[in-house]
PDB file of all heavy atoms in Angstrom:
ATOM      1  N   ILE A   1      44.065   9.643  20.457  1.00  0.00           N
ATOM      2  CA  ILE A   1      43.565   8.659  21.407  1.00  0.00           C
ATOM      3  C   ILE A   1      44.027   9.105  22.786  1.00  0.00           C
ATOM      4  O   ILE A   1      45.191   9.400  23.033  1.00  0.00           O
ATOM      5  CB  ILE A   1      44.122   7.230  21.098  1.00  0.00           C
ATOM      6  CG1 ILE A   1      43.625   6.776  19.708  1.00  0.00           C
ATOM      7  CG2 ILE A   1      43.749   6.239  22.188  1.00  0.00           C
ATOM      8  CD1 ILE A   1      42.118   6.671  19.563  1.00  0.00           C
ATOM      9  N   ARG A   2      43.081   9.087  23.751  1.00  0.00           N
ATOM     10  CA  ARG A   2      43.340   9.610  25.114  1.00  0.00           C
ATOM     11  C   ARG A   2      43.466   8.486  26.166  1.00  0.00           C
ATOM     12  O   ARG A   2      44.085   8.669  27.180  1.00  0.00           O
ATOM     13  CB  ARG A   2      42.320  10.566  25.499  1.00  0.00           C
ATOM     14  CG  ARG A   2      42.335  11.798  24.581  1.00  0.00           C
ATOM     15  CD  ARG A   2      41.354  12.809  25.056  1.00  0.00           C
ATOM     16  NE  ARG A   2      41.582  13.217  26.417  1.00  0.00           N
ATOM     17  CZ  ARG A   2      41.918  14.429  26.818  1.00  0.00           C
ATOM     18  NH1 ARG A   2      42.134  15.307  25.941  1.00  0.00           N
ATOM     19  NH2 ARG A   2      42.077  14.664  28.084  1.00  0.00           N
ATOM     20  N   ALA A   3      42.675   7.418  25.946  1.00  0.00           N
ATOM     21  CA  ALA A   3      42.640   6.392  27.015  1.00  0.00           C
ATOM     22  C   ALA A   3      41.935   5.130  26.489  1.00  0.00           C
ATOM     23  O   ALA A   3      41.225   5.197  25.441  1.00  0.00           O
ATOM     24  CB  ALA A   3      41.873   6.929  28.219  1.00  0.00           C
ATOM     25  N   LEU A   4      42.083   4.019  27.205  1.00  0.00           N
ATOM     26  CA  LEU A   4      41.228   2.885  27.030  1.00  0.00           C
ATOM     27  C   LEU A   4      39.840   3.247  27.511  1.00  0.00           C
ATOM     28  O   LEU A   4      39.731   3.663  28.705  1.00  0.00           O
ATOM     29  CB  LEU A   4      41.783   1.648  27.755  1.00  0.00           C
ATOM     30  CG  LEU A   4      40.925   0.371  27.716  1.00  0.00           C
ATOM     31  CD1 LEU A   4      40.862  -0.174  26.294  1.00  0.00           C
ATOM     32  CD2 LEU A   4      41.428  -0.632  28.657  1.00  0.00           C
ATOM     33  N   HIS A   5      38.836   3.142  26.730  1.00  0.00           N
ATOM     34  CA  HIS A   5      37.474   3.472  27.186  1.00  0.00           C
ATOM     35  C   HIS A   5      36.810   2.269  27.798  1.00  0.00           C
ATOM     36  O   HIS A   5      36.193   2.343  28.855  1.00  0.00           O
ATOM     37  CB  HIS A   5      36.680   3.969  25.959  1.00  0.00           C
ATOM     38  CG  HIS A   5      35.320   4.490  26.358  1.00  0.00           C
ATOM     39  ND1 HIS A   5      34.212   3.702  26.326  1.00  0.00           N
ATOM     40  CD2 HIS A   5      34.927   5.738  26.718  1.00  0.00           C
ATOM     41  CE1 HIS A   5      33.184   4.443  26.709  1.00  0.00           C
ATOM     42  NE2 HIS A   5      33.587   5.641  26.941  1.00  0.00           N
ATOM     43  N   HIS A   6      36.837   1.079  27.122  1.00  0.00           N
ATOM     44  CA  HIS A   6      36.243  -0.102  27.721  1.00  0.00           C
ATOM     45  C   HIS A   6      36.721  -1.324  26.920  1.00  0.00           C
ATOM     46  O   HIS A   6      37.306  -1.252  25.872  1.00  0.00           O
ATOM     47  CB  HIS A   6      34.733  -0.039  27.691  1.00  0.00           C
ATOM     48  CG  HIS A   6      34.104  -0.085  26.340  1.00  0.00           C
ATOM     49  ND1 HIS A   6      33.724   1.044  25.669  1.00  0.00           N
ATOM     50  CD2 HIS A   6      33.737  -1.072  25.572  1.00  0.00           C
ATOM     51  CE1 HIS A   6      33.235   0.749  24.510  1.00  0.00           C
ATOM     52  NE2 HIS A   6      33.184  -0.573  24.391  1.00  0.00           N
ATOM     53  N   ILE A   7      36.406  -2.477  27.516  1.00  0.00           N
ATOM     54  CA  ILE A   7      36.635  -3.738  26.898  1.00  0.00           C
ATOM     55  C   ILE A   7      35.290  -4.376  26.634  1.00  0.00           C
ATOM     56  O   ILE A   7      34.467  -4.451  27.560  1.00  0.00           O
ATOM     57  CB  ILE A   7      37.462  -4.698  27.774  1.00  0.00           C
ATOM     58  CG1 ILE A   7      38.855  -4.080  28.087  1.00  0.00           C
ATOM     59  CG2 ILE A   7      37.646  -6.132  27.193  1.00  0.00           C
ATOM     60  CD1 ILE A   7      39.591  -4.722  29.265  1.00  0.00           C
ATOM     61  N   GLY A   8      35.013  -4.734  25.363  1.00  0.00           N
ATOM     62  CA  GLY A   8      33.721  -5.328  25.047  1.00  0.00           C
ATOM     63  C   GLY A   8      33.740  -6.836  25.038  1.00  0.00           C
ATOM     64  O   GLY A   8      34.679  -7.450  24.480  1.00  0.00           O
ATOM     65  N   ILE A   9      32.811  -7.470  25.769  1.00  0.00           N
ATOM     66  CA  ILE A   9      32.775  -8.904  25.880  1.00  0.00           C
ATOM     67  C   ILE A   9      31.404  -9.427  25.368  1.00  0.00           C
ATOM     68  O   ILE A   9      30.350  -9.001  25.869  1.00  0.00           O
ATOM     69  CB  ILE A   9      32.984  -9.350  27.318  1.00  0.00           C
ATOM     70  CG1 ILE A   9      34.403  -8.848  27.833  1.00  0.00           C
ATOM     71  CG2 ILE A   9      32.841 -10.877  27.484  1.00  0.00           C
ATOM     72  CD1 ILE A   9      34.684  -9.107  29.250  1.00  0.00           C
ATOM     73  N   ALA A  10      31.421 -10.336  24.398  1.00  0.00           N
ATOM     74  CA  ALA A  10      30.216 -10.892  23.831  1.00  0.00           C
ATOM     75  C   ALA A  10      29.696 -12.006  24.755  1.00  0.00           C
ATOM     76  O   ALA A  10      30.454 -12.832  25.195  1.00  0.00           O
ATOM     77  CB  ALA A  10      30.496 -11.439  22.458  1.00  0.00           C
ATOM     78  N   VAL A  11      28.361 -11.930  25.054  1.00  0.00           N
ATOM     79  CA  VAL A  11      27.751 -12.943  25.814  1.00  0.00           C
ATOM     80  C   VAL A  11      26.373 -13.311  25.178  1.00  0.00           C
ATOM     81  O   VAL A  11      25.828 -12.531  24.425  1.00  0.00           O
ATOM     82  CB  VAL A  11      27.430 -12.414  27.297  1.00  0.00           C
ATOM     83  CG1 VAL A  11      28.715 -12.095  28.010  1.00  0.00           C
ATOM     84  CG2 VAL A  11      26.477 -11.284  27.330  1.00  0.00           C
ATOM     85  N   HIS A  12      25.947 -14.522  25.440  1.00  0.00           N
ATOM     86  CA  HIS A  12      24.669 -14.937  24.915  1.00  0.00           C
ATOM     87  C   HIS A  12      23.476 -14.291  25.564  1.00  0.00           C
ATOM     88  O   HIS A  12      22.503 -13.972  24.904  1.00  0.00           O
ATOM     89  CB  HIS A  12      24.527 -16.465  24.988  1.00  0.00           C
ATOM     90  CG  HIS A  12      25.438 -17.230  24.117  1.00  0.00           C
ATOM     91  ND1 HIS A  12      25.270 -17.303  22.714  1.00  0.00           N
ATOM     92  CD2 HIS A  12      26.527 -18.010  24.391  1.00  0.00           C
ATOM     93  CE1 HIS A  12      26.261 -18.057  22.234  1.00  0.00           C
ATOM     94  NE2 HIS A  12      26.992 -18.480  23.184  1.00  0.00           N
ATOM     95  N   SER A  13      23.611 -14.013  26.877  1.00  0.00           N
ATOM     96  CA  SER A  13      22.481 -13.464  27.674  1.00  0.00           C
ATOM     97  C   SER A  13      23.004 -12.612  28.717  1.00  0.00           C
ATOM     98  O   SER A  13      23.818 -13.036  29.563  1.00  0.00           O
ATOM     99  CB  SER A  13      21.685 -14.592  28.240  1.00  0.00           C
ATOM    100  OG  SER A  13      20.786 -14.179  29.236  1.00  0.00           O
ATOM    101  N   LEU A  14      22.522 -11.328  28.805  1.00  0.00           N
ATOM    102  CA  LEU A  14      22.885 -10.489  29.927  1.00  0.00           C
ATOM    103  C   LEU A  14      22.314 -11.025  31.234  1.00  0.00           C
ATOM    104  O   LEU A  14      23.005 -10.956  32.279  1.00  0.00           O
ATOM    105  CB  LEU A  14      22.376  -9.023  29.694  1.00  0.00           C
ATOM    106  CG  LEU A  14      23.064  -8.251  28.585  1.00  0.00           C
ATOM    107  CD1 LEU A  14      22.425  -6.858  28.491  1.00  0.00           C
ATOM    108  CD2 LEU A  14      24.539  -8.175  28.790  1.00  0.00           C
ATOM    109  N   ASP A  15      21.100 -11.565  31.175  1.00  0.00           N
ATOM    110  CA  ASP A  15      20.489 -12.150  32.392  1.00  0.00           C
ATOM    111  C   ASP A  15      21.326 -13.207  32.994  1.00  0.00           C
ATOM    112  O   ASP A  15      21.463 -13.323  34.232  1.00  0.00           O
ATOM    113  CB  ASP A  15      19.092 -12.619  32.112  1.00  0.00           C
ATOM    114  CG  ASP A  15      18.120 -11.508  31.788  1.00  0.00           C
ATOM    115  OD1 ASP A  15      18.361 -10.341  32.208  1.00  0.00           O
ATOM    116  OD2 ASP A  15      17.057 -11.750  31.176  1.00  0.00           O
ATOM    117  N   GLU A  16      21.957 -14.011  32.126  1.00  0.00           N
ATOM    118  CA  GLU A  16      22.796 -15.116  32.678  1.00  0.00           C
ATOM    119  C   GLU A  16      24.195 -14.655  33.043  1.00  0.00           C
ATOM    120  O   GLU A  16      24.774 -15.118  33.999  1.00  0.00           O
ATOM    121  CB  GLU A  16      22.922 -16.246  31.586  1.00  0.00           C
ATOM    122  CG  GLU A  16      21.614 -16.933  31.380  1.00  0.00           C
ATOM    123  CD  GLU A  16      21.706 -17.971  30.224  1.00  0.00           C
ATOM    124  OE1 GLU A  16      22.847 -18.337  29.802  1.00  0.00           O
ATOM    125  OE2 GLU A  16      20.668 -18.468  29.824  1.00  0.00           O
ATOM    126  N   ALA A  17      24.739 -13.699  32.320  1.00  0.00           N
ATOM    127  CA  ALA A  17      26.104 -13.245  32.548  1.00  0.00           C
ATOM    128  C   ALA A  17      26.262 -12.261  33.712  1.00  0.00           C
ATOM    129  O   ALA A  17      27.248 -12.337  34.489  1.00  0.00           O
ATOM    130  CB  ALA A  17      26.667 -12.597  31.285  1.00  0.00           C
ATOM    131  N   LEU A  18      25.308 -11.393  33.867  1.00  0.00           N
ATOM    132  CA  LEU A  18      25.444 -10.308  34.909  1.00  0.00           C
ATOM    133  C   LEU A  18      25.665 -10.854  36.294  1.00  0.00           C
ATOM    134  O   LEU A  18      26.564 -10.319  37.019  1.00  0.00           O
ATOM    135  CB  LEU A  18      24.215  -9.371  34.903  1.00  0.00           C
ATOM    136  CG  LEU A  18      24.292  -8.285  33.798  1.00  0.00           C
ATOM    137  CD1 LEU A  18      22.969  -7.579  33.691  1.00  0.00           C
ATOM    138  CD2 LEU A  18      25.437  -7.369  34.074  1.00  0.00           C
ATOM    139  N   PRO A  19      24.980 -11.919  36.765  1.00  0.00           N
ATOM    140  CA  PRO A  19      25.276 -12.397  38.097  1.00  0.00           C
ATOM    141  C   PRO A  19      26.781 -12.782  38.340  1.00  0.00           C
ATOM    142  O   PRO A  19      27.348 -12.594  39.353  1.00  0.00           O
ATOM    143  CB  PRO A  19      24.385 -13.560  38.299  1.00  0.00           C
ATOM    144  CG  PRO A  19      23.218 -13.294  37.372  1.00  0.00           C
ATOM    145  CD  PRO A  19      23.828 -12.571  36.187  1.00  0.00           C
ATOM    146  N   ARG A  20      27.370 -13.372  37.274  1.00  0.00           N
ATOM    147  CA  ARG A  20      28.789 -13.745  37.389  1.00  0.00           C
ATOM    148  C   ARG A  20      29.685 -12.541  37.553  1.00  0.00           C
ATOM    149  O   ARG A  20      30.645 -12.561  38.320  1.00  0.00           O
ATOM    150  CB  ARG A  20      29.244 -14.584  36.140  1.00  0.00           C
ATOM    151  CG  ARG A  20      28.618 -15.905  36.072  1.00  0.00           C
ATOM    152  CD  ARG A  20      29.239 -16.759  34.995  1.00  0.00           C
ATOM    153  NE  ARG A  20      28.950 -16.263  33.653  1.00  0.00           N
ATOM    154  CZ  ARG A  20      27.872 -16.537  32.944  1.00  0.00           C
ATOM    155  NH1 ARG A  20      26.959 -17.337  33.455  1.00  0.00           N
ATOM    156  NH2 ARG A  20      27.742 -16.079  31.716  1.00  0.00           N
ATOM    157  N   TRP A  21      29.390 -11.461  36.870  1.00  0.00           N
ATOM    158  CA  TRP A  21      30.195 -10.253  36.870  1.00  0.00           C
ATOM    159  C   TRP A  21      29.927  -9.382  38.066  1.00  0.00           C
ATOM    160  O   TRP A  21      30.802  -8.752  38.614  1.00  0.00           O
ATOM    161  CB  TRP A  21      30.075  -9.520  35.526  1.00  0.00           C
ATOM    162  CG  TRP A  21      30.600 -10.303  34.371  1.00  0.00           C
ATOM    163  CD1 TRP A  21      29.962 -11.203  33.679  1.00  0.00           C
ATOM    164  CD2 TRP A  21      31.944 -10.182  33.877  1.00  0.00           C
ATOM    165  NE1 TRP A  21      30.814 -11.717  32.676  1.00  0.00           N
ATOM    166  CE2 TRP A  21      32.044 -11.086  32.817  1.00  0.00           C
ATOM    167  CE3 TRP A  21      33.035  -9.419  34.250  1.00  0.00           C
ATOM    168  CZ2 TRP A  21      33.216 -11.279  32.085  1.00  0.00           C
ATOM    169  CZ3 TRP A  21      34.243  -9.602  33.469  1.00  0.00           C
ATOM    170  CH2 TRP A  21      34.253 -10.513  32.432  1.00  0.00           C
ATOM    171  N   VAL A  22      28.611  -9.248  38.391  1.00  0.00           N
ATOM    172  CA  VAL A  22      28.260  -8.342  39.469  1.00  0.00           C
ATOM    173  C   VAL A  22      28.335  -9.038  40.858  1.00  0.00           C
ATOM    174  O   VAL A  22      29.008  -8.572  41.739  1.00  0.00           O
ATOM    175  CB  VAL A  22      26.826  -7.721  39.222  1.00  0.00           C
ATOM    176  CG1 VAL A  22      26.343  -6.885  40.367  1.00  0.00           C
ATOM    177  CG2 VAL A  22      26.797  -6.936  37.949  1.00  0.00           C
ATOM    178  N   ASP A  23      27.594 -10.136  40.979  1.00  0.00           N
ATOM    179  CA  ASP A  23      27.588 -10.860  42.271  1.00  0.00           C
ATOM    180  C   ASP A  23      28.879 -11.627  42.543  1.00  0.00           C
ATOM    181  O   ASP A  23      29.436 -11.582  43.633  1.00  0.00           O
ATOM    182  CB  ASP A  23      26.401 -11.815  42.325  1.00  0.00           C
ATOM    183  CG  ASP A  23      25.034 -11.120  42.209  1.00  0.00           C
ATOM    184  OD1 ASP A  23      24.964  -9.887  42.557  1.00  0.00           O
ATOM    185  OD2 ASP A  23      24.090 -11.752  41.745  1.00  0.00           O
ATOM    186  N   GLY A  24      29.350 -12.313  41.472  1.00  0.00           N
ATOM    187  CA  GLY A  24      30.562 -13.148  41.556  1.00  0.00           C
ATOM    188  C   GLY A  24      31.825 -12.305  41.738  1.00  0.00           C
ATOM    189  O   GLY A  24      32.590 -12.464  42.669  1.00  0.00           O
ATOM    190  N   LEU A  25      32.066 -11.380  40.752  1.00  0.00           N
ATOM    191  CA  LEU A  25      33.308 -10.596  40.817  1.00  0.00           C
ATOM    192  C   LEU A  25      33.132  -9.272  41.555  1.00  0.00           C
ATOM    193  O   LEU A  25      34.163  -8.595  41.845  1.00  0.00           O
ATOM    194  CB  LEU A  25      33.745 -10.319  39.373  1.00  0.00           C
ATOM    195  CG  LEU A  25      34.198 -11.516  38.592  1.00  0.00           C
ATOM    196  CD1 LEU A  25      34.434 -11.192  37.127  1.00  0.00           C
ATOM    197  CD2 LEU A  25      35.430 -12.148  39.216  1.00  0.00           C
ATOM    198  N   GLY A  26      31.933  -8.862  41.881  1.00  0.00           N
ATOM    199  CA  GLY A  26      31.727  -7.632  42.617  1.00  0.00           C
ATOM    200  C   GLY A  26      31.810  -6.356  41.789  1.00  0.00           C
ATOM    201  O   GLY A  26      32.057  -5.338  42.359  1.00  0.00           O
ATOM    202  N   LEU A  27      31.688  -6.454  40.475  1.00  0.00           N
ATOM    203  CA  LEU A  27      31.743  -5.250  39.658  1.00  0.00           C
ATOM    204  C   LEU A  27      30.424  -4.451  39.798  1.00  0.00           C
ATOM    205  O   LEU A  27      29.397  -5.027  40.023  1.00  0.00           O
ATOM    206  CB  LEU A  27      32.001  -5.590  38.194  1.00  0.00           C
ATOM    207  CG  LEU A  27      33.294  -6.412  37.934  1.00  0.00           C
ATOM    208  CD1 LEU A  27      33.478  -6.513  36.437  1.00  0.00           C
ATOM    209  CD2 LEU A  27      34.489  -5.855  38.611  1.00  0.00           C
ATOM    210  N   GLU A  28      30.504  -3.161  39.587  1.00  0.00           N
ATOM    211  CA  GLU A  28      29.381  -2.310  39.742  1.00  0.00           C
ATOM    212  C   GLU A  28      28.664  -2.182  38.370  1.00  0.00           C
ATOM    213  O   GLU A  28      29.273  -1.861  37.371  1.00  0.00           O
ATOM    214  CB  GLU A  28      29.825  -0.882  40.148  1.00  0.00           C
ATOM    215  CG  GLU A  28      28.735   0.154  40.259  1.00  0.00           C
ATOM    216  CD  GLU A  28      29.271   1.511  40.493  1.00  0.00           C
ATOM    217  OE1 GLU A  28      30.473   1.748  40.538  1.00  0.00           O
ATOM    218  OE2 GLU A  28      28.420   2.453  40.595  1.00  0.00           O
TER     219      GLU A  28
END
């Protein structure tokens, strides 16, 4: 094992979740 690759988060809808993560939190 070399590194943490990612954290997986279950959501009902990408269309609903993405604005919170991208626009709200500013993630790329």
